[in-house]
Amino acid sequence: MLGFEIGNITTRVLRDALRLEIEQAVEKLKNDDPAEYRHELKRRYIVEQLFYGETVKVVIAKDTEIDAKVVFADVVGDVSASVDIHKNQVFTISGSKYPFAIDLKKIKDFI
């Protein structure tokens, strides 16, 4: 792979009301059953943000052979294929609804 580009990045953040509800539930467990908190939740993570790209572009070297039907079989969105000025293969996925990155926080650091 020669390049990878994500365009029009958007973020979904954990809503304040839900965050408060989770904080209260974790705090209650921490006070009511410290052993359960230490063994089950202390090492767990919570997703605070999800990052989405409206478009994803992948550039693959011209001499690389791939079966695009297999590679992009499960992609939700439009896939287009083209060739750049160096005759490398360029695949662009638009409208994908899958996140490409997340922001995790340990539950012990969350509250």
Foldseek 3Di string as FASTA:
>chain_A
DPDKDFADKDKDFDDPVVLVVVLVVLVCCCVVPVVCCVVPQQADKDWGMFMDGQKMKDWAAQPDDDDVCVVCVPFDADWDWDADPNRIIMIMGGRGPDTPDTDMDRPVVSD
